[in-house]
Structure formats: structure tokens, C-alpha cells
Amino acid sequence: MSYVQGFVIPVPVANRDAYRDMAAKTAPIFREYGAERVVECWGDALPDGHTTDFRKAVKAEEGENVVFSWIVWPDKATADAAHEKIWSDPRMTKPDGPIPFDGKRMIFGGFVPIFDTDY
């Protein structure tokens, strides 16, 4: 069964293109290590919630938007094995420039699908 890693990331609006460029450079690396799909989505309709919402979840500041992304792996074992290799890969550990977001406020996790219309 597939395994999904999900991410919610605050990104300065001014860094949208830099973020997209970073995603375009790193997605093939994830694919090389077994990812089946990498999706990056720029926030478009992010309503304010009464208790919480996407912006509050990452403490988005003025001038920031939220990116919602996910990586689909064939299974958790592949994701776990890839994780070990990806974060020691020089292409990931030595970026061309500054990372275009605040990684300290990124939230992420791994998920096991319990329903999928593709099955």
C-alpha cells in the first residue's frame, strides 16, 4: 500500500518563484529514490478559521503564503529508506542558495491512505 508524506510550509510571497524552482530541482531527487509523485501547491483559498487554519498552523506572517505539498511513495519502507539517503545526498544538503522558506515552522508527517479513488 502506498505511503504519503504531507507538508504545510510558510513561504514569503516574494519567494514564490524561488520556491517553485527549488521544488523543480528537488522533485527528481525524490523520484530517483523511489517517490512516485511529488506535488507542490501554492495557497489560493485559505479562509481564516475560528480555532485553527492553514495560516495559523504554520504561524504564517504578513507577506507569507502557505504551500501544501505531498510525496507519494510505493510504501512506508521505501519512504524510510529514501529518507536516510536523501538527507545525506549533497544535492539536498548543499542547496544553490538560501532555502526560500522558514523550515522551523513547516509541519509534516507520514500518512497511510485509508481511502483512495484510484483503487
PDB file of N, CA and C in Angstrom:
ATOM      1  N   MET A   1       0.844  -1.187   0.000  1.00  0.00           N
ATOM      2  CA  MET A   1       0.000   0.000   0.000  1.00  0.00           C
ATOM      3  C   MET A   1       0.874   1.229   0.000  1.00  0.00           C
ATOM      4  N   SER A   2       0.435   2.258  -0.701  1.00  0.00           N
ATOM      5  CA  SER A   2       1.212   3.486  -0.806  1.00  0.00           C
ATOM      6  C   SER A   2       1.331   4.182   0.546  1.00  0.00           C
ATOM      7  N   TYR A   3       2.260   5.112   0.600  1.00  0.00           N
ATOM      8  CA  TYR A   3       2.531   5.893   1.799  1.00  0.00           C
ATOM      9  C   TYR A   3       2.684   7.340   1.358  1.00  0.00           C
ATOM     10  N   VAL A   4       2.106   8.265   2.120  1.00  0.00           N
ATOM     11  CA  VAL A   4       2.109   9.672   1.738  1.00  0.00           C
ATOM     12  C   VAL A   4       2.764  10.500   2.836  1.00  0.00           C
ATOM     13  N   GLN A   5       3.698  11.349   2.429  1.00  0.00           N
ATOM     14  CA  GLN A   5       4.265  12.330   3.343  1.00  0.00           C
ATOM     15  C   GLN A   5       3.659  13.675   2.973  1.00  0.00           C
ATOM     16  N   GLY A   6       3.134  14.380   3.966  1.00  0.00           N
ATOM     17  CA  GLY A   6       2.486  15.661   3.727  1.00  0.00           C
ATOM     18  C   GLY A   6       3.217  16.784   4.428  1.00  0.00           C
ATOM     19  N   PHE A   7       3.148  17.978   3.828  1.00  0.00           N
ATOM     20  CA  PHE A   7       3.873  19.138   4.331  1.00  0.00           C
ATOM     21  C   PHE A   7       3.007  20.390   4.207  1.00  0.00           C
ATOM     22  N   VAL A   8       3.073  21.259   5.206  1.00  0.00           N
ATOM     23  CA  VAL A   8       2.461  22.574   5.153  1.00  0.00           C
ATOM     24  C   VAL A   8       3.576  23.550   5.532  1.00  0.00           C
ATOM     25  N   ILE A   9       3.828  24.523   4.634  1.00  0.00           N
ATOM     26  CA  ILE A   9       5.032  25.337   4.742  1.00  0.00           C
ATOM     27  C   ILE A   9       4.707  26.819   4.546  1.00  0.00           C
ATOM     28  N   PRO A  10       5.157  27.699   5.460  1.00  0.00           N
ATOM     29  CA  PRO A  10       5.000  29.136   5.219  1.00  0.00           C
ATOM     30  C   PRO A  10       6.102  29.621   4.276  1.00  0.00           C
ATOM     31  N   VAL A  11       5.701  30.333   3.229  1.00  0.00           N
ATOM     32  CA  VAL A  11       6.670  30.812   2.232  1.00  0.00           C
ATOM     33  C   VAL A  11       6.389  32.291   1.957  1.00  0.00           C
ATOM     34  N   PRO A  12       7.407  33.138   2.039  1.00  0.00           N
ATOM     35  CA  PRO A  12       7.188  34.536   1.676  1.00  0.00           C
ATOM     36  C   PRO A  12       6.657  34.633   0.238  1.00  0.00           C
ATOM     37  N   VAL A  13       5.665  35.483   0.050  1.00  0.00           N
ATOM     38  CA  VAL A  13       5.078  35.662  -1.278  1.00  0.00           C
ATOM     39  C   VAL A  13       6.167  36.027  -2.291  1.00  0.00           C
ATOM     40  N   ALA A  14       7.118  36.828  -1.880  1.00  0.00           N
ATOM     41  CA  ALA A  14       8.201  37.236  -2.775  1.00  0.00           C
ATOM     42  C   ALA A  14       9.085  36.061  -3.198  1.00  0.00           C
ATOM     43  N   ASN A  15       9.009  34.946  -2.485  1.00  0.00           N
ATOM     44  CA  ASN A  15       9.844  33.780  -2.780  1.00  0.00           C
ATOM     45  C   ASN A  15       9.104  32.698  -3.571  1.00  0.00           C
ATOM     46  N   ARG A  16       7.932  33.022  -4.105  1.00  0.00           N
ATOM     47  CA  ARG A  16       7.155  32.006  -4.818  1.00  0.00           C
ATOM     48  C   ARG A  16       7.969  31.353  -5.940  1.00  0.00           C
ATOM     49  N   ASP A  17       8.579  32.140  -6.799  1.00  0.00           N
ATOM     50  CA  ASP A  17       9.340  31.575  -7.912  1.00  0.00           C
ATOM     51  C   ASP A  17      10.556  30.797  -7.417  1.00  0.00           C
ATOM     52  N   ALA A  18      11.223  31.312  -6.399  1.00  0.00           N
ATOM     53  CA  ALA A  18      12.382  30.608  -5.836  1.00  0.00           C
ATOM     54  C   ALA A  18      11.945  29.272  -5.237  1.00  0.00           C
ATOM     55  N   TYR A  19      10.784  29.260  -4.579  1.00  0.00           N
ATOM     56  CA  TYR A  19      10.267  28.005  -4.020  1.00  0.00           C
ATOM     57  C   TYR A  19       9.958  27.013  -5.133  1.00  0.00           C
ATOM     58  N   ARG A  20       9.290  27.504  -6.179  1.00  0.00           N
ATOM     59  CA  ARG A  20       8.956  26.624  -7.300  1.00  0.00           C
ATOM     60  C   ARG A  20      10.215  26.072  -7.955  1.00  0.00           C
ATOM     61  N   ASP A  21      11.234  26.923  -8.118  1.00  0.00           N
ATOM     62  CA  ASP A  21      12.498  26.471  -8.692  1.00  0.00           C
ATOM     63  C   ASP A  21      13.151  25.400  -7.811  1.00  0.00           C
ATOM     64  N   MET A  22      13.130  25.617  -6.495  1.00  0.00           N
ATOM     65  CA  MET A  22      13.687  24.636  -5.570  1.00  0.00           C
ATOM     66  C   MET A  22      12.937  23.311  -5.696  1.00  0.00           C
ATOM     67  N   ALA A  23      11.606  23.385  -5.771  1.00  0.00           N
ATOM     68  CA  ALA A  23      10.795  22.173  -5.902  1.00  0.00           C
ATOM     69  C   ALA A  23      11.115  21.443  -7.206  1.00  0.00           C
ATOM     70  N   ALA A  24      11.293  22.198  -8.276  1.00  0.00           N
ATOM     71  CA  ALA A  24      11.605  21.588  -9.571  1.00  0.00           C
ATOM     72  C   ALA A  24      12.971  20.900  -9.544  1.00  0.00           C
ATOM     73  N   LYS A  25      13.900  21.413  -8.754  1.00  0.00           N
ATOM     74  CA  LYS A  25      15.229  20.800  -8.643  1.00  0.00           C
ATOM     75  C   LYS A  25      15.229  19.581  -7.723  1.00  0.00           C
ATOM     76  N   THR A  26      14.423  19.626  -6.669  1.00  0.00           N
ATOM     77  CA  THR A  26      14.460  18.533  -5.696  1.00  0.00           C
ATOM     78  C   THR A  26      13.513  17.385  -6.030  1.00  0.00           C
ATOM     79  N   ALA A  27      12.434  17.645  -6.735  1.00  0.00           N
ATOM     80  CA  ALA A  27      11.476  16.569  -7.063  1.00  0.00           C
ATOM     81  C   ALA A  27      12.149  15.400  -7.777  1.00  0.00           C
ATOM     82  N   PRO A  28      13.021  15.641  -8.764  1.00  0.00           N
ATOM     83  CA  PRO A  28      13.672  14.496  -9.411  1.00  0.00           C
ATOM     84  C   PRO A  28      14.538  13.674  -8.453  1.00  0.00           C
ATOM     85  N   ILE A  29      15.067  14.317  -7.417  1.00  0.00           N
ATOM     86  CA  ILE A  29      15.867  13.589  -6.432  1.00  0.00           C
ATOM     87  C   ILE A  29      14.956  12.647  -5.648  1.00  0.00           C
ATOM     88  N   PHE A  30      13.804  13.145  -5.218  1.00  0.00           N
ATOM     89  CA  PHE A  30      12.848  12.279  -4.525  1.00  0.00           C
ATOM     90  C   PHE A  30      12.423  11.126  -5.435  1.00  0.00           C
ATOM     91  N   ARG A  31      12.183  11.432  -6.707  1.00  0.00           N
ATOM     92  CA  ARG A  31      11.803  10.392  -7.671  1.00  0.00           C
ATOM     93  C   ARG A  31      12.915   9.362  -7.831  1.00  0.00           C
ATOM     94  N   GLU A  32      14.150   9.843  -7.865  1.00  0.00           N
ATOM     95  CA  GLU A  32      15.301   8.949  -8.002  1.00  0.00           C
ATOM     96  C   GLU A  32      15.352   7.933  -6.859  1.00  0.00           C
ATOM     97  N   TYR A  33      14.920   8.364  -5.672  1.00  0.00           N
ATOM     98  CA  TYR A  33      14.944   7.487  -4.504  1.00  0.00           C
ATOM     99  C   TYR A  33      13.630   6.728  -4.301  1.00  0.00           C
ATOM    100  N   GLY A  34      12.749   6.781  -5.285  1.00  0.00           N
ATOM    101  CA  GLY A  34      11.567   5.926  -5.241  1.00  0.00           C
ATOM    102  C   GLY A  34      10.223   6.606  -5.138  1.00  0.00           C
ATOM    103  N   ALA A  35      10.175   7.921  -4.986  1.00  0.00           N
ATOM    104  CA  ALA A  35       8.878   8.600  -4.916  1.00  0.00           C
ATOM    105  C   ALA A  35       8.127   8.418  -6.234  1.00  0.00           C
ATOM    106  N   GLU A  36       6.838   8.189  -6.121  1.00  0.00           N
ATOM    107  CA  GLU A  36       6.008   8.030  -7.311  1.00  0.00           C
ATOM    108  C   GLU A  36       5.451   9.361  -7.808  1.00  0.00           C
ATOM    109  N   ARG A  37       5.284  10.289  -6.868  1.00  0.00           N
ATOM    110  CA  ARG A  37       4.684  11.572  -7.217  1.00  0.00           C
ATOM    111  C   ARG A  37       5.107  12.618  -6.195  1.00  0.00           C
ATOM    112  N   VAL A  38       5.367  13.838  -6.678  1.00  0.00           N
ATOM    113  CA  VAL A  38       5.688  14.968  -5.810  1.00  0.00           C
ATOM    114  C   VAL A  38       4.793  16.123  -6.254  1.00  0.00           C
ATOM    115  N   VAL A  39       4.020  16.672  -5.319  1.00  0.00           N
ATOM    116  CA  VAL A  39       3.072  17.733  -5.651  1.00  0.00           C
ATOM    117  C   VAL A  39       3.314  18.918  -4.718  1.00  0.00           C
ATOM    118  N   GLU A  40       3.400  20.111  -5.301  1.00  0.00           N
ATOM    119  CA  GLU A  40       3.564  21.360  -4.548  1.00  0.00           C
ATOM    120  C   GLU A  40       2.407  22.278  -4.917  1.00  0.00           C
ATOM    121  N   CYS A  41       1.673  22.778  -3.940  1.00  0.00           N
ATOM    122  CA  CYS A  41       0.502  23.624  -4.199  1.00  0.00           C
ATOM    123  C   CYS A  41       0.637  24.955  -3.462  1.00  0.00           C
ATOM    124  N   TRP A  42       0.470  26.050  -4.201  1.00  0.00           N
ATOM    125  CA  TRP A  42       0.526  27.401  -3.650  1.00  0.00           C
ATOM    126  C   TRP A  42      -0.852  27.773  -3.129  1.00  0.00           C
ATOM    127  N   GLY A  43      -0.945  28.263  -1.904  1.00  0.00           N
ATOM    128  CA  GLY A  43      -2.229  28.620  -1.306  1.00  0.00           C
ATOM    129  C   GLY A  43      -3.023  29.592  -2.158  1.00  0.00           C
ATOM    130  N   ASP A  44      -4.298  29.288  -2.351  1.00  0.00           N
ATOM    131  CA  ASP A  44      -5.163  30.132  -3.179  1.00  0.00           C
ATOM    132  C   ASP A  44      -6.391  30.588  -2.401  1.00  0.00           C
ATOM    133  N   ALA A  45      -7.051  29.680  -1.734  1.00  0.00           N
ATOM    134  CA  ALA A  45      -8.244  29.995  -0.940  1.00  0.00           C
ATOM    135  C   ALA A  45      -8.008  29.452   0.464  1.00  0.00           C
ATOM    136  N   LEU A  46      -7.510  30.305   1.349  1.00  0.00           N
ATOM    137  CA  LEU A  46      -7.158  29.897   2.712  1.00  0.00           C
ATOM    138  C   LEU A  46      -7.987  30.707   3.709  1.00  0.00           C
ATOM    139  N   PRO A  47      -9.211  30.270   3.954  1.00  0.00           N
ATOM    140  CA  PRO A  47     -10.066  31.038   4.857  1.00  0.00           C
ATOM    141  C   PRO A  47      -9.548  31.022   6.291  1.00  0.00           C
ATOM    142  N   ASP A  48      -9.799  32.123   6.987  1.00  0.00           N
ATOM    143  CA  ASP A  48      -9.463  32.197   8.407  1.00  0.00           C
ATOM    144  C   ASP A  48     -10.415  31.303   9.183  1.00  0.00           C
ATOM    145  N   GLY A  49      -9.866  30.453  10.037  1.00  0.00           N
ATOM    146  CA  GLY A  49     -10.693  29.580  10.864  1.00  0.00           C
ATOM    147  C   GLY A  49     -10.938  30.200  12.225  1.00  0.00           C
ATOM    148  N   HIS A  50     -11.947  29.710  12.929  1.00  0.00           N
ATOM    149  CA  HIS A  50     -12.239  30.226  14.277  1.00  0.00           C
ATOM    150  C   HIS A  50     -11.185  29.752  15.267  1.00  0.00           C
ATOM    151  N   THR A  51     -10.793  28.491  15.167  1.00  0.00           N
ATOM    152  CA  THR A  51      -9.833  27.924  16.104  1.00  0.00           C
ATOM    153  C   THR A  51      -8.463  27.748  15.470  1.00  0.00           C
ATOM    154  N   THR A  52      -8.448  27.191  14.272  1.00  0.00           N
ATOM    155  CA  THR A  52      -7.183  26.989  13.567  1.00  0.00           C
ATOM    156  C   THR A  52      -7.439  27.008  12.063  1.00  0.00           C
ATOM    157  N   ASP A  53      -6.384  27.111  11.305  1.00  0.00           N
ATOM    158  CA  ASP A  53      -6.454  27.085   9.848  1.00  0.00           C
ATOM    159  C   ASP A  53      -5.036  26.866   9.337  1.00  0.00           C
ATOM    160  N   PHE A  54      -4.875  26.852   8.018  1.00  0.00           N
ATOM    161  CA  PHE A  54      -3.553  26.602   7.457  1.00  0.00           C
ATOM    162  C   PHE A  54      -2.542  27.671   7.875  1.00  0.00           C
ATOM    163  N   ARG A  55      -2.946  28.933   7.851  1.00  0.00           N
ATOM    164  CA  ARG A  55      -2.016  30.008   8.222  1.00  0.00           C
ATOM    165  C   ARG A  55      -1.604  29.903   9.691  1.00  0.00           C
ATOM    166  N   LYS A  56      -2.576  29.668  10.557  1.00  0.00           N
ATOM    167  CA  LYS A  56      -2.264  29.550  11.984  1.00  0.00           C
ATOM    168  C   LYS A  56      -1.400  28.329  12.262  1.00  0.00           C
ATOM    169  N   ALA A  57      -1.610  27.259  11.513  1.00  0.00           N
ATOM    170  CA  ALA A  57      -0.868  26.018  11.746  1.00  0.00           C
ATOM    171  C   ALA A  57       0.638  26.225  11.610  1.00  0.00           C
ATOM    172  N   VAL A  58       1.045  27.110  10.695  1.00  0.00           N
ATOM    173  CA  VAL A  58       2.474  27.359  10.471  1.00  0.00           C
ATOM    174  C   VAL A  58       2.898  28.760  10.917  1.00  0.00           C
ATOM    175  N   LYS A  59       2.005  29.433  11.637  1.00  0.00           N
ATOM    176  CA  LYS A  59       2.270  30.792  12.121  1.00  0.00           C
ATOM    177  C   LYS A  59       2.713  31.715  10.979  1.00  0.00           C
ATOM    178  N   ALA A  60       1.986  31.619   9.858  1.00  0.00           N
ATOM    179  CA  ALA A  60       2.300  32.460   8.706  1.00  0.00           C
ATOM    180  C   ALA A  60       2.241  33.932   9.106  1.00  0.00           C
ATOM    181  N   GLU A  61       3.224  34.660   8.657  1.00  0.00           N
ATOM    182  CA  GLU A  61       3.335  36.076   8.980  1.00  0.00           C
ATOM    183  C   GLU A  61       2.848  36.923   7.817  1.00  0.00           C
ATOM    184  N   GLU A  62       2.712  38.209   8.053  1.00  0.00           N
ATOM    185  CA  GLU A  62       2.337  39.146   6.993  1.00  0.00           C
ATOM    186  C   GLU A  62       3.296  38.974   5.824  1.00  0.00           C
ATOM    187  N   GLY A  63       2.764  38.895   4.622  1.00  0.00           N
ATOM    188  CA  GLY A  63       3.593  38.745   3.438  1.00  0.00           C
ATOM    189  C   GLY A  63       3.973  37.309   3.116  1.00  0.00           C
ATOM    190  N   GLU A  64       3.396  36.362   3.850  1.00  0.00           N
ATOM    191  CA  GLU A  64       3.663  34.949   3.589  1.00  0.00           C
ATOM    192  C   GLU A  64       2.401  34.253   3.091  1.00  0.00           C
ATOM    193  N   ASN A  65       2.593  33.240   2.301  1.00  0.00           N
ATOM    194  CA  ASN A  65       1.508  32.370   1.863  1.00  0.00           C
ATOM    195  C   ASN A  65       1.834  30.971   2.380  1.00  0.00           C
ATOM    196  N   VAL A  66       0.939  30.039   2.130  1.00  0.00           N
ATOM    197  CA  VAL A  66       1.127  28.672   2.599  1.00  0.00           C
ATOM    198  C   VAL A  66       1.219  27.732   1.404  1.00  0.00           C
ATOM    199  N   VAL A  67       2.208  26.850   1.455  1.00  0.00           N
ATOM    200  CA  VAL A  67       2.351  25.787   0.470  1.00  0.00           C
ATOM    201  C   VAL A  67       1.890  24.486   1.129  1.00  0.00           C
ATOM    202  N   PHE A  68       1.084  23.737   0.394  1.00  0.00           N
ATOM    203  CA  PHE A  68       0.627  22.413   0.821  1.00  0.00           C
ATOM    204  C   PHE A  68       1.211  21.432  -0.182  1.00  0.00           C
ATOM    205  N   SER A  69       1.981  20.481   0.291  1.00  0.00           N
ATOM    206  CA  SER A  69       2.614  19.555  -0.640  1.00  0.00           C
ATOM    207  C   SER A  69       2.583  18.139  -0.093  1.00  0.00           C
ATOM    208  N   TRP A  70       2.795  17.208  -1.020  1.00  0.00           N
ATOM    209  CA  TRP A  70       2.852  15.815  -0.602  1.00  0.00           C
ATOM    210  C   TRP A  70       3.725  15.020  -1.553  1.00  0.00           C
ATOM    211  N   ILE A  71       4.250  13.933  -0.992  1.00  0.00           N
ATOM    212  CA  ILE A  71       5.045  12.992  -1.766  1.00  0.00           C
ATOM    213  C   ILE A  71       4.395  11.628  -1.595  1.00  0.00           C
ATOM    214  N   VAL A  72       4.150  10.958  -2.708  1.00  0.00           N
ATOM    215  CA  VAL A  72       3.562   9.613  -2.669  1.00  0.00           C
ATOM    216  C   VAL A  72       4.680   8.609  -2.921  1.00  0.00           C
ATOM    217  N   TRP A  73       4.778   7.654  -2.019  1.00  0.00           N
ATOM    218  CA  TRP A  73       5.763   6.572  -2.109  1.00  0.00           C
ATOM    219  C   TRP A  73       5.024   5.257  -2.324  1.00  0.00           C
ATOM    220  N   PRO A  74       5.693   4.252  -2.877  1.00  0.00           N
ATOM    221  CA  PRO A  74       5.014   2.967  -3.066  1.00  0.00           C
ATOM    222  C   PRO A  74       4.628   2.313  -1.734  1.00  0.00           C
ATOM    223  N   ASP A  75       5.425   2.582  -0.679  1.00  0.00           N
ATOM    224  CA  ASP A  75       5.148   2.023   0.649  1.00  0.00           C
ATOM    225  C   ASP A  75       6.026   2.744   1.672  1.00  0.00           C
ATOM    226  N   LYS A  76       5.763   2.495   2.947  1.00  0.00           N
ATOM    227  CA  LYS A  76       6.498   3.171   4.017  1.00  0.00           C
ATOM    228  C   LYS A  76       7.967   2.761   4.023  1.00  0.00           C
ATOM    229  N   ALA A  77       8.251   1.504   3.723  1.00  0.00           N
ATOM    230  CA  ALA A  77       9.638   1.035   3.713  1.00  0.00           C
ATOM    231  C   ALA A  77      10.465   1.818   2.697  1.00  0.00           C
ATOM    232  N   THR A  78       9.909   2.072   1.530  1.00  0.00           N
ATOM    233  CA  THR A  78      10.617   2.857   0.509  1.00  0.00           C
ATOM    234  C   THR A  78      10.828   4.283   0.992  1.00  0.00           C
ATOM    235  N   ALA A  79       9.806   4.872   1.604  1.00  0.00           N
ATOM    236  CA  ALA A  79       9.927   6.241   2.129  1.00  0.00           C
ATOM    237  C   ALA A  79      11.006   6.314   3.202  1.00  0.00           C
ATOM    238  N   ASP A  80      11.009   5.343   4.113  1.00  0.00           N
ATOM    239  CA  ASP A  80      12.003   5.337   5.188  1.00  0.00           C
ATOM    240  C   ASP A  80      13.420   5.169   4.635  1.00  0.00           C
ATOM    241  N   ALA A  81      13.601   4.251   3.692  1.00  0.00           N
ATOM    242  CA  ALA A  81      14.923   4.023   3.101  1.00  0.00           C
ATOM    243  C   ALA A  81      15.382   5.267   2.339  1.00  0.00           C
ATOM    244  N   ALA A  82      14.468   5.900   1.624  1.00  0.00           N
ATOM    245  CA  ALA A  82      14.798   7.097   0.861  1.00  0.00           C
ATOM    246  C   ALA A  82      15.200   8.235   1.792  1.00  0.00           C
ATOM    247  N   HIS A  83      14.491   8.361   2.902  1.00  0.00           N
ATOM    248  CA  HIS A  83      14.772   9.442   3.844  1.00  0.00           C
ATOM    249  C   HIS A  83      16.230   9.416   4.287  1.00  0.00           C
ATOM    250  N   GLU A  84      16.727   8.240   4.595  1.00  0.00           N
ATOM    251  CA  GLU A  84      18.116   8.111   5.027  1.00  0.00           C
ATOM    252  C   GLU A  84      19.078   8.603   3.946  1.00  0.00           C
ATOM    253  N   LYS A  85      18.795   8.262   2.691  1.00  0.00           N
ATOM    254  CA  LYS A  85      19.694   8.608   1.587  1.00  0.00           C
ATOM    255  C   LYS A  85      19.538  10.057   1.142  1.00  0.00           C
ATOM    256  N   ILE A  86      18.301  10.532   1.089  1.00  0.00           N
ATOM    257  CA  ILE A  86      18.040  11.885   0.587  1.00  0.00           C
ATOM    258  C   ILE A  86      18.751  12.940   1.415  1.00  0.00           C
ATOM    259  N   TRP A  87      18.695  12.820   2.739  1.00  0.00           N
ATOM    260  CA  TRP A  87      19.262  13.872   3.581  1.00  0.00           C
ATOM    261  C   TRP A  87      20.759  13.753   3.760  1.00  0.00           C
ATOM    262  N   SER A  88      21.377  12.775   3.083  1.00  0.00           N
ATOM    263  CA  SER A  88      22.840  12.742   3.027  1.00  0.00           C
ATOM    264  C   SER A  88      23.320  13.007   1.597  1.00  0.00           C
ATOM    265  N   ASP A  89      22.389  13.189   0.681  1.00  0.00           N
ATOM    266  CA  ASP A  89      22.717  13.472  -0.712  1.00  0.00           C
ATOM    267  C   ASP A  89      23.190  14.924  -0.816  1.00  0.00           C
ATOM    268  N   PRO A  90      24.386  15.168  -1.374  1.00  0.00           N
ATOM    269  CA  PRO A  90      24.905  16.539  -1.457  1.00  0.00           C
ATOM    270  C   PRO A  90      23.986  17.503  -2.206  1.00  0.00           C
ATOM    271  N   ARG A  91      23.174  16.981  -3.127  1.00  0.00           N
ATOM    272  CA  ARG A  91      22.250  17.858  -3.861  1.00  0.00           C
ATOM    273  C   ARG A  91      21.182  18.427  -2.937  1.00  0.00           C
ATOM    274  N   MET A  92      20.915  17.730  -1.832  1.00  0.00           N
ATOM    275  CA  MET A  92      19.912  18.205  -0.873  1.00  0.00           C
ATOM    276  C   MET A  92      20.559  18.948   0.294  1.00  0.00           C
ATOM    277  N   THR A  93      21.765  18.567   0.661  1.00  0.00           N
ATOM    278  CA  THR A  93      22.394  19.162   1.837  1.00  0.00           C
ATOM    279  C   THR A  93      23.163  20.431   1.535  1.00  0.00           C
ATOM    280  N   LYS A  94      23.433  20.685   0.240  1.00  0.00           N
ATOM    281  CA  LYS A  94      24.163  21.894  -0.147  1.00  0.00           C
ATOM    282  C   LYS A  94      23.390  22.608  -1.246  1.00  0.00           C
ATOM    283  N   PRO A  95      22.305  23.305  -0.870  1.00  0.00           N
ATOM    284  CA  PRO A  95      21.496  23.982  -1.895  1.00  0.00           C
ATOM    285  C   PRO A  95      22.277  25.095  -2.589  1.00  0.00           C
ATOM    286  N   ASP A  96      21.817  25.454  -3.792  1.00  0.00           N
ATOM    287  CA  ASP A  96      22.452  26.508  -4.584  1.00  0.00           C
ATOM    288  C   ASP A  96      22.392  27.875  -3.904  1.00  0.00           C
ATOM    289  N   GLY A  97      21.383  28.098  -3.124  1.00  0.00           N
ATOM    290  CA  GLY A  97      21.205  29.391  -2.466  1.00  0.00           C
ATOM    291  C   GLY A  97      20.427  29.192  -1.184  1.00  0.00           C
ATOM    292  N   PRO A  98      19.966  30.283  -0.603  1.00  0.00           N
ATOM    293  CA  PRO A  98      19.193  30.151   0.637  1.00  0.00           C
ATOM    294  C   PRO A  98      17.874  29.416   0.394  1.00  0.00           C
ATOM    295  N   ILE A  99      17.449  28.668   1.386  1.00  0.00           N
ATOM    296  CA  ILE A  99      16.162  27.973   1.300  1.00  0.00           C
ATOM    297  C   ILE A  99      15.075  29.043   1.362  1.00  0.00           C
ATOM    298  N   PRO A 100      14.110  29.019   0.430  1.00  0.00           N
ATOM    299  CA  PRO A 100      13.144  30.117   0.316  1.00  0.00           C
ATOM    300  C   PRO A 100      11.958  30.047   1.292  1.00  0.00           C
ATOM    301  N   PHE A 101      12.133  29.388   2.439  1.00  0.00           N
ATOM    302  CA  PHE A 101      11.061  29.308   3.436  1.00  0.00           C
ATOM    303  C   PHE A 101      11.676  29.075   4.808  1.00  0.00           C
ATOM    304  N   ASP A 102      10.854  29.230   5.842  1.00  0.00           N
ATOM    305  CA  ASP A 102      11.296  29.018   7.213  1.00  0.00           C
ATOM    306  C   ASP A 102      10.964  27.579   7.617  1.00  0.00           C
ATOM    307  N   GLY A 103      11.962  26.721   7.564  1.00  0.00           N
ATOM    308  CA  GLY A 103      11.753  25.310   7.873  1.00  0.00           C
ATOM    309  C   GLY A 103      11.351  25.044   9.313  1.00  0.00           C
ATOM    310  N   LYS A 104      11.613  25.978  10.217  1.00  0.00           N
ATOM    311  CA  LYS A 104      11.250  25.782  11.624  1.00  0.00           C
ATOM    312  C   LYS A 104       9.735  25.787  11.822  1.00  0.00           C
ATOM    313  N   ARG A 105       9.011  26.413  10.897  1.00  0.00           N
ATOM    314  CA  ARG A 105       7.548  26.480  11.030  1.00  0.00           C
ATOM    315  C   ARG A 105       6.844  25.505  10.098  1.00  0.00           C
ATOM    316  N   MET A 106       7.581  24.715   9.353  1.00  0.00           N
ATOM    317  CA  MET A 106       6.986  23.706   8.487  1.00  0.00           C
ATOM    318  C   MET A 106       6.419  22.584   9.366  1.00  0.00           C
ATOM    319  N   ILE A 107       5.246  22.096   8.985  1.00  0.00           N
ATOM    320  CA  ILE A 107       4.714  20.920   9.657  1.00  0.00           C
ATOM    321  C   ILE A 107       4.670  19.792   8.635  1.00  0.00           C
ATOM    322  N   PHE A 108       4.891  18.581   9.103  1.00  0.00           N
ATOM    323  CA  PHE A 108       4.953  17.454   8.177  1.00  0.00           C
ATOM    324  C   PHE A 108       4.616  16.166   8.914  1.00  0.00           C
ATOM    325  N   GLY A 109       4.302  15.150   8.160  1.00  0.00           N
ATOM    326  CA  GLY A 109       4.014  13.856   8.745  1.00  0.00           C
ATOM    327  C   GLY A 109       3.816  12.811   7.669  1.00  0.00           C
ATOM    328  N   GLY A 110       3.786  11.563   8.094  1.00  0.00           N
ATOM    329  CA  GLY A 110       3.561  10.448   7.189  1.00  0.00           C
ATOM    330  C   GLY A 110       2.169   9.889   7.394  1.00  0.00           C
ATOM    331  N   PHE A 111       1.563   9.459   6.298  1.00  0.00           N
ATOM    332  CA  PHE A 111       0.173   9.014   6.336  1.00  0.00           C
ATOM    333  C   PHE A 111      -0.017   7.726   5.543  1.00  0.00           C
ATOM    334  N   VAL A 112      -0.851   6.857   6.086  1.00  0.00           N
ATOM    335  CA  VAL A 112      -1.254   5.634   5.399  1.00  0.00           C
ATOM    336  C   VAL A 112      -2.640   5.887   4.820  1.00  0.00           C
ATOM    337  N   PRO A 113      -2.802   5.799   3.503  1.00  0.00           N
ATOM    338  CA  PRO A 113      -4.124   6.020   2.917  1.00  0.00           C
ATOM    339  C   PRO A 113      -5.145   5.005   3.438  1.00  0.00           C
ATOM    340  N   ILE A 114      -6.329   5.500   3.762  1.00  0.00           N
ATOM    341  CA  ILE A 114      -7.411   4.598   4.174  1.00  0.00           C
ATOM    342  C   ILE A 114      -8.551   4.602   3.157  1.00  0.00           C
ATOM    343  N   PHE A 115      -8.480   5.537   2.209  1.00  0.00           N
ATOM    344  CA  PHE A 115      -9.431   5.581   1.101  1.00  0.00           C
ATOM    345  C   PHE A 115      -8.786   6.333  -0.045  1.00  0.00           C
ATOM    346  N   ASP A 116      -8.941   5.818  -1.261  1.00  0.00           N
ATOM    347  CA  ASP A 116      -8.350   6.457  -2.421  1.00  0.00           C
ATOM    348  C   ASP A 116      -9.182   6.061  -3.630  1.00  0.00           C
ATOM    349  N   THR A 117      -9.648   7.033  -4.375  1.00  0.00           N
ATOM    350  CA  THR A 117     -10.499   6.728  -5.532  1.00  0.00           C
ATOM    351  C   THR A 117      -9.735   6.045  -6.649  1.00  0.00           C
ATOM    352  N   ASP A 118      -8.401   6.035  -6.584  1.00  0.00           N
ATOM    353  CA  ASP A 118      -7.610   5.357  -7.612  1.00  0.00           C
ATOM    354  C   ASP A 118      -7.571   3.848  -7.421  1.00  0.00           C
ATOM    355  N   TYR A 119      -8.044   3.354  -6.296  1.00  0.00           N
ATOM    356  CA  TYR A 119      -8.023   1.895  -6.078  1.00  0.00           C
ATOM    357  C   TYR A 119      -9.265   1.260  -6.636  1.00  0.00           C
TER     358      TYR A 119
END
